[in-house]
Amino acid sequence: MKNILLPTDLSVQSLWPVKKIAEDHNNAEPLTIHVIHLLEIPTSITDLLLLARSKRTSSSLPDYFKDALQILQSKYNPEQVKIKFEFVYGSTHRALANLMDVRSVQQVIVLDGYKYQFNDKD
């Protein structure tokens, strides 16, 4: 199984590489595209205590992003190309390296010339 990591800023433009990745993929082995949105771990005690209760879910995604993600997920055969989304806490090199190890990521795809926009305070 091939695993690819695709960071997103919750914009539709950040999902553009999915089509090219899926088209370039040979169907010899299953492909999983891990679409992730990194969030900083809170630094205040209060925020850390409330972190477990305020867990982010797909319901907190913007509708336009959720719709685009669902369209992409339904476009491809899930036995050959899976597209998974998740929020990931941590913004350090080590946190990202651990995530890549756990998910057995072979490749990270980032849009050339695209400036990721993070408007949320997180």
N, C-alpha and C. Protein backbone atom coordinates (compact mmCIF):
# COMPACT_ATOMS: atom_id res chain seq x y z
N MET A 1 0.85 -1.17 0.00
CA MET A 1 0.00 0.00 0.00
C MET A 1 0.89 1.24 0.00
N LYS A 2 0.52 2.21 -0.82
CA LYS A 2 1.25 3.46 -0.90
C LYS A 2 0.48 4.52 -0.12
N ASN A 3 1.19 5.28 0.72
CA ASN A 3 0.60 6.33 1.53
C ASN A 3 1.22 7.67 1.18
N ILE A 4 0.36 8.63 0.89
CA ILE A 4 0.80 9.98 0.53
C ILE A 4 0.16 10.97 1.51
N LEU A 5 0.95 11.95 1.94
CA LEU A 5 0.49 12.97 2.87
C LEU A 5 0.24 14.27 2.10
N LEU A 6 -0.94 14.85 2.26
CA LEU A 6 -1.29 16.09 1.59
C LEU A 6 -1.77 17.10 2.64
N PRO A 7 -0.93 18.08 3.00
CA PRO A 7 -1.38 19.10 3.96
C PRO A 7 -2.42 20.01 3.32
N THR A 8 -3.32 20.52 4.15
CA THR A 8 -4.37 21.40 3.64
C THR A 8 -4.57 22.58 4.59
N ASP A 9 -5.03 23.68 4.01
CA ASP A 9 -5.42 24.84 4.81
C ASP A 9 -6.93 25.00 4.81
N LEU A 10 -7.63 23.90 4.50
CA LEU A 10 -9.09 23.83 4.44
C LEU A 10 -9.65 24.66 3.29
N SER A 11 -8.86 24.82 2.24
CA SER A 11 -9.36 25.48 1.03
C SER A 11 -9.50 24.41 -0.06
N VAL A 12 -10.38 24.67 -1.01
CA VAL A 12 -10.57 23.73 -2.11
C VAL A 12 -9.29 23.65 -2.96
N GLN A 13 -8.58 24.75 -3.10
CA GLN A 13 -7.35 24.77 -3.89
C GLN A 13 -6.30 23.80 -3.34
N SER A 14 -6.26 23.62 -2.05
CA SER A 14 -5.26 22.72 -1.47
C SER A 14 -5.56 21.25 -1.77
N LEU A 15 -6.75 20.97 -2.31
CA LEU A 15 -7.12 19.61 -2.70
C LEU A 15 -6.82 19.32 -4.17
N TRP A 16 -6.39 20.32 -4.92
CA TRP A 16 -6.14 20.14 -6.35
C TRP A 16 -5.20 18.98 -6.68
N PRO A 17 -4.16 18.71 -5.89
CA PRO A 17 -3.26 17.62 -6.25
C PRO A 17 -3.88 16.23 -6.21
N VAL A 18 -5.02 16.07 -5.55
CA VAL A 18 -5.62 14.74 -5.41
C VAL A 18 -5.89 14.11 -6.78
N LYS A 19 -6.44 14.88 -7.70
CA LYS A 19 -6.76 14.34 -9.03
C LYS A 19 -5.50 13.84 -9.73
N LYS A 20 -4.43 14.63 -9.71
CA LYS A 20 -3.18 14.24 -10.38
C LYS A 20 -2.56 13.02 -9.70
N ILE A 21 -2.59 12.99 -8.38
CA ILE A 21 -2.04 11.85 -7.63
C ILE A 21 -2.79 10.58 -8.01
N ALA A 22 -4.11 10.64 -8.04
CA ALA A 22 -4.92 9.46 -8.36
C ALA A 22 -4.73 9.03 -9.81
N GLU A 23 -4.62 9.99 -10.73
CA GLU A 23 -4.44 9.64 -12.14
C GLU A 23 -3.05 9.05 -12.41
N ASP A 24 -2.04 9.54 -11.70
CA ASP A 24 -0.68 9.04 -11.89
C ASP A 24 -0.44 7.70 -11.21
N HIS A 25 -1.34 7.33 -10.33
CA HIS A 25 -1.18 6.10 -9.56
C HIS A 25 -1.48 4.88 -10.43
N ASN A 26 -0.55 3.93 -10.41
CA ASN A 26 -0.86 2.67 -11.08
C ASN A 26 -1.65 1.83 -10.11
N ASN A 27 -2.63 1.12 -10.58
CA ASN A 27 -3.54 0.39 -9.72
C ASN A 27 -2.97 -0.93 -9.23
N ALA A 28 -1.66 -1.09 -9.29
CA ALA A 28 -1.04 -2.33 -8.83
C ALA A 28 -1.17 -2.50 -7.32
N GLU A 29 -1.16 -1.39 -6.59
CA GLU A 29 -1.30 -1.43 -5.14
C GLU A 29 -2.27 -0.35 -4.70
N PRO A 30 -2.96 -0.55 -3.58
CA PRO A 30 -3.88 0.47 -3.07
C PRO A 30 -3.13 1.74 -2.68
N LEU A 31 -3.82 2.86 -2.82
CA LEU A 31 -3.25 4.17 -2.50
C LEU A 31 -4.12 4.82 -1.43
N THR A 32 -3.48 5.38 -0.41
CA THR A 32 -4.19 6.16 0.59
C THR A 32 -3.60 7.56 0.62
N ILE A 33 -4.46 8.55 0.42
CA ILE A 33 -4.05 9.95 0.50
C ILE A 33 -4.54 10.48 1.84
N HIS A 34 -3.60 10.82 2.70
CA HIS A 34 -3.92 11.36 4.02
C HIS A 34 -3.93 12.88 3.93
N VAL A 35 -5.11 13.45 3.89
CA VAL A 35 -5.26 14.91 3.87
C VAL A 35 -5.30 15.36 5.32
N ILE A 36 -4.32 16.19 5.71
CA ILE A 36 -4.24 16.59 7.11
C ILE A 36 -4.24 18.11 7.26
N HIS A 37 -4.78 18.54 8.37
CA HIS A 37 -4.74 19.95 8.74
C HIS A 37 -4.07 20.01 10.10
N LEU A 38 -2.89 20.63 10.16
CA LEU A 38 -2.14 20.71 11.40
C LEU A 38 -2.67 21.83 12.30
N LEU A 39 -2.77 21.53 13.57
CA LEU A 39 -3.19 22.51 14.57
C LEU A 39 -2.13 22.57 15.65
N GLU A 40 -1.83 23.77 16.11
CA GLU A 40 -0.87 23.91 17.20
C GLU A 40 -1.47 23.40 18.50
N ILE A 41 -0.64 22.78 19.30
CA ILE A 41 -1.08 22.35 20.62
C ILE A 41 -1.18 23.59 21.49
N PRO A 42 -2.30 23.76 22.19
CA PRO A 42 -2.46 24.94 23.05
C PRO A 42 -1.37 25.00 24.12
N THR A 43 -1.03 26.20 24.52
CA THR A 43 0.03 26.37 25.52
C THR A 43 -0.51 26.74 26.90
N SER A 44 -1.75 27.18 26.97
CA SER A 44 -2.29 27.53 28.29
C SER A 44 -2.90 26.30 28.95
N ILE A 45 -2.84 26.26 30.25
CA ILE A 45 -3.36 25.13 31.02
C ILE A 45 -4.85 24.93 30.76
N THR A 46 -5.59 26.01 30.73
CA THR A 46 -7.04 25.94 30.51
C THR A 46 -7.35 25.32 29.15
N ASP A 47 -6.67 25.79 28.12
CA ASP A 47 -6.89 25.25 26.78
C ASP A 47 -6.51 23.78 26.68
N LEU A 48 -5.43 23.40 27.37
CA LEU A 48 -5.02 22.00 27.37
C LEU A 48 -6.06 21.12 28.06
N LEU A 49 -6.63 21.61 29.16
CA LEU A 49 -7.65 20.84 29.86
C LEU A 49 -8.91 20.67 29.02
N LEU A 50 -9.24 21.69 28.24
CA LEU A 50 -10.44 21.63 27.41
C LEU A 50 -10.20 20.96 26.06
N LEU A 51 -8.96 20.65 25.74
CA LEU A 51 -8.62 20.07 24.44
C LEU A 51 -9.36 18.77 24.17
N ALA A 52 -9.43 17.90 25.15
CA ALA A 52 -10.10 16.61 24.97
C ALA A 52 -11.59 16.79 24.73
N ARG A 53 -12.19 17.78 25.35
CA ARG A 53 -13.62 18.01 25.18
C ARG A 53 -13.95 18.69 23.86
N SER A 54 -13.03 19.50 23.35
CA SER A 54 -13.30 20.27 22.15
C SER A 54 -12.67 19.63 20.92
N LYS A 55 -12.65 18.32 20.88
CA LYS A 55 -12.01 17.61 19.78
C LYS A 55 -12.65 18.03 18.45
N ARG A 56 -11.80 18.35 17.51
CA ARG A 56 -12.28 18.76 16.19
C ARG A 56 -12.81 17.56 15.43
N THR A 57 -13.89 17.76 14.71
CA THR A 57 -14.46 16.69 13.89
C THR A 57 -14.75 17.24 12.51
N SER A 58 -15.17 16.35 11.62
CA SER A 58 -15.47 16.79 10.26
C SER A 58 -16.65 17.76 10.23
N SER A 59 -17.46 17.79 11.28
CA SER A 59 -18.58 18.74 11.31
C SER A 59 -18.09 20.17 11.47
N SER A 60 -16.84 20.36 11.93
CA SER A 60 -16.31 21.72 12.07
C SER A 60 -15.59 22.20 10.81
N LEU A 61 -15.66 21.41 9.74
CA LEU A 61 -15.06 21.82 8.47
C LEU A 61 -15.97 22.80 7.75
N PRO A 62 -15.40 23.72 6.97
CA PRO A 62 -16.24 24.59 6.14
C PRO A 62 -17.01 23.74 5.12
N ASP A 63 -18.24 24.13 4.83
CA ASP A 63 -19.08 23.34 3.92
C ASP A 63 -18.45 23.16 2.54
N TYR A 64 -17.84 24.21 2.00
CA TYR A 64 -17.24 24.10 0.67
C TYR A 64 -16.10 23.08 0.65
N PHE A 65 -15.33 23.01 1.72
CA PHE A 65 -14.23 22.04 1.80
C PHE A 65 -14.78 20.63 1.97
N LYS A 66 -15.77 20.51 2.84
CA LYS A 66 -16.38 19.20 3.09
C LYS A 66 -17.00 18.65 1.80
N ASP A 67 -17.69 19.52 1.04
CA ASP A 67 -18.30 19.09 -0.23
C ASP A 67 -17.25 18.65 -1.23
N ALA A 68 -16.17 19.42 -1.37
CA ALA A 68 -15.10 19.07 -2.31
C ALA A 68 -14.45 17.75 -1.92
N LEU A 69 -14.25 17.53 -0.64
CA LEU A 69 -13.65 16.30 -0.16
C LEU A 69 -14.56 15.10 -0.43
N GLN A 70 -15.85 15.26 -0.21
CA GLN A 70 -16.81 14.18 -0.47
C GLN A 70 -16.88 13.85 -1.95
N ILE A 71 -16.82 14.86 -2.80
CA ILE A 71 -16.84 14.62 -4.25
C ILE A 71 -15.61 13.81 -4.65
N LEU A 72 -14.45 14.19 -4.14
CA LEU A 72 -13.22 13.46 -4.46
C LEU A 72 -13.27 12.03 -3.93
N GLN A 73 -13.78 11.85 -2.73
CA GLN A 73 -13.86 10.52 -2.14
C GLN A 73 -14.80 9.61 -2.92
N SER A 74 -15.88 10.16 -3.44
CA SER A 74 -16.83 9.34 -4.19
C SER A 74 -16.39 9.10 -5.64
N LYS A 75 -15.45 9.89 -6.12
CA LYS A 75 -15.00 9.78 -7.51
C LYS A 75 -14.15 8.54 -7.77
N TYR A 76 -13.43 8.08 -6.74
CA TYR A 76 -12.49 6.98 -6.92
C TYR A 76 -12.95 5.73 -6.19
N ASN A 77 -12.58 4.58 -6.74
CA ASN A 77 -12.88 3.30 -6.13
C ASN A 77 -12.13 3.21 -4.79
N PRO A 78 -12.87 3.07 -3.67
CA PRO A 78 -12.20 3.08 -2.36
C PRO A 78 -11.26 1.90 -2.14
N GLU A 79 -11.37 0.87 -2.94
CA GLU A 79 -10.44 -0.25 -2.82
C GLU A 79 -9.09 0.07 -3.45
N GLN A 80 -9.07 1.05 -4.35
CA GLN A 80 -7.83 1.44 -5.01
C GLN A 80 -7.29 2.77 -4.49
N VAL A 81 -8.16 3.75 -4.30
CA VAL A 81 -7.74 5.08 -3.85
C VAL A 81 -8.63 5.53 -2.69
N LYS A 82 -8.05 5.62 -1.51
CA LYS A 82 -8.76 6.11 -0.33
C LYS A 82 -8.27 7.51 -0.02
N ILE A 83 -9.20 8.38 0.33
CA ILE A 83 -8.86 9.74 0.73
C ILE A 83 -9.38 9.93 2.15
N LYS A 84 -8.45 10.11 3.08
CA LYS A 84 -8.80 10.26 4.49
C LYS A 84 -8.42 11.65 4.96
N PHE A 85 -9.31 12.26 5.74
CA PHE A 85 -9.02 13.58 6.30
C PHE A 85 -8.93 13.47 7.81
N GLU A 86 -8.00 14.24 8.39
CA GLU A 86 -7.94 14.32 9.84
C GLU A 86 -7.25 15.60 10.30
N PHE A 87 -7.65 16.04 11.49
CA PHE A 87 -6.95 17.12 12.17
C PHE A 87 -5.82 16.49 12.95
N VAL A 88 -4.65 17.13 12.94
CA VAL A 88 -3.49 16.62 13.65
C VAL A 88 -2.94 17.73 14.53
N TYR A 89 -2.81 17.44 15.82
CA TYR A 89 -2.23 18.41 16.75
C TYR A 89 -0.72 18.27 16.77
N GLY A 90 -0.05 19.38 16.62
CA GLY A 90 1.41 19.41 16.64
C GLY A 90 1.91 20.18 15.44
N SER A 91 2.91 21.01 15.65
CA SER A 91 3.42 21.83 14.55
C SER A 91 4.94 21.78 14.46
N THR A 92 5.53 20.81 15.13
CA THR A 92 6.98 20.70 15.09
C THR A 92 7.42 19.65 14.08
N HIS A 93 8.68 19.71 13.74
CA HIS A 93 9.25 18.74 12.82
C HIS A 93 9.09 17.32 13.37
N ARG A 94 9.31 17.15 14.66
CA ARG A 94 9.23 15.82 15.28
C ARG A 94 7.80 15.28 15.22
N ALA A 95 6.81 16.12 15.47
CA ALA A 95 5.41 15.69 15.43
C ALA A 95 5.04 15.22 14.02
N LEU A 96 5.50 15.96 13.02
CA LEU A 96 5.22 15.58 11.64
C LEU A 96 5.96 14.29 11.26
N ALA A 97 7.19 14.14 11.72
CA ALA A 97 7.95 12.92 11.45
C ALA A 97 7.28 11.71 12.09
N ASN A 98 6.77 11.87 13.32
CA ASN A 98 6.06 10.78 13.98
C ASN A 98 4.80 10.40 13.23
N LEU A 99 4.06 11.40 12.77
CA LEU A 99 2.85 11.14 11.98
C LEU A 99 3.19 10.36 10.72
N MET A 100 4.26 10.77 10.06
CA MET A 100 4.66 10.09 8.83
C MET A 100 5.09 8.65 9.11
N ASP A 101 5.76 8.43 10.22
CA ASP A 101 6.15 7.07 10.59
C ASP A 101 4.93 6.20 10.88
N VAL A 102 4.00 6.72 11.66
CA VAL A 102 2.80 5.96 12.03
C VAL A 102 1.96 5.62 10.81
N ARG A 103 1.83 6.56 9.88
CA ARG A 103 1.01 6.35 8.68
C ARG A 103 1.79 5.68 7.54
N SER A 104 3.07 5.41 7.75
CA SER A 104 3.94 4.81 6.72
C SER A 104 3.91 5.62 5.42
N VAL A 105 4.06 6.92 5.56
CA VAL A 105 4.00 7.85 4.43
C VAL A 105 5.29 7.76 3.61
N GLN A 106 5.13 7.55 2.30
CA GLN A 106 6.28 7.51 1.40
C GLN A 106 6.53 8.84 0.72
N GLN A 107 5.50 9.69 0.65
CA GLN A 107 5.63 10.93 -0.11
C GLN A 107 4.75 12.01 0.48
N VAL A 108 5.24 13.25 0.47
CA VAL A 108 4.46 14.41 0.89
C VAL A 108 4.29 15.29 -0.34
N ILE A 109 3.06 15.68 -0.61
CA ILE A 109 2.76 16.52 -1.77
C ILE A 109 2.36 17.91 -1.28
N VAL A 110 3.04 18.93 -1.79
CA VAL A 110 2.74 20.32 -1.46
C VAL A 110 2.60 21.07 -2.78
N LEU A 111 1.63 21.94 -2.89
CA LEU A 111 1.42 22.72 -4.10
C LEU A 111 2.57 23.70 -4.32
N ASP A 112 3.14 23.71 -5.51
CA ASP A 112 4.19 24.66 -5.87
C ASP A 112 3.60 26.05 -6.02
N GLY A 113 4.21 27.02 -5.39
CA GLY A 113 3.79 28.40 -5.55
C GLY A 113 2.51 28.76 -4.83
N TYR A 114 1.93 27.84 -4.09
CA TYR A 114 0.69 28.11 -3.38
C TYR A 114 1.01 28.58 -1.97
N LYS A 115 0.40 29.68 -1.55
CA LYS A 115 0.62 30.19 -0.19
C LYS A 115 -0.55 29.72 0.67
N TYR A 116 -0.25 28.80 1.56
CA TYR A 116 -1.27 28.27 2.45
C TYR A 116 -1.75 29.37 3.38
N GLN A 117 -3.07 29.50 3.52
CA GLN A 117 -3.69 30.54 4.34
C GLN A 117 -4.28 29.89 5.59
N PHE A 118 -3.85 30.35 6.74
CA PHE A 118 -4.38 29.84 8.00
C PHE A 118 -5.03 30.99 8.73
N ASN A 119 -6.35 31.11 8.58
CA ASN A 119 -7.09 32.22 9.18
C ASN A 119 -7.53 31.92 10.59
N ASP A 120 -7.69 30.64 10.92
CA ASP A 120 -8.16 30.24 12.23
C ASP A 120 -7.09 30.51 13.27
N LYS A 121 -7.49 30.85 14.46
CA LYS A 121 -6.50 31.12 15.51
C LYS A 121 -5.69 29.87 15.84
N ASP A 122 -6.23 28.68 15.57
CA ASP A 122 -5.50 27.44 15.81
C ASP A 122 -4.52 27.18 14.69
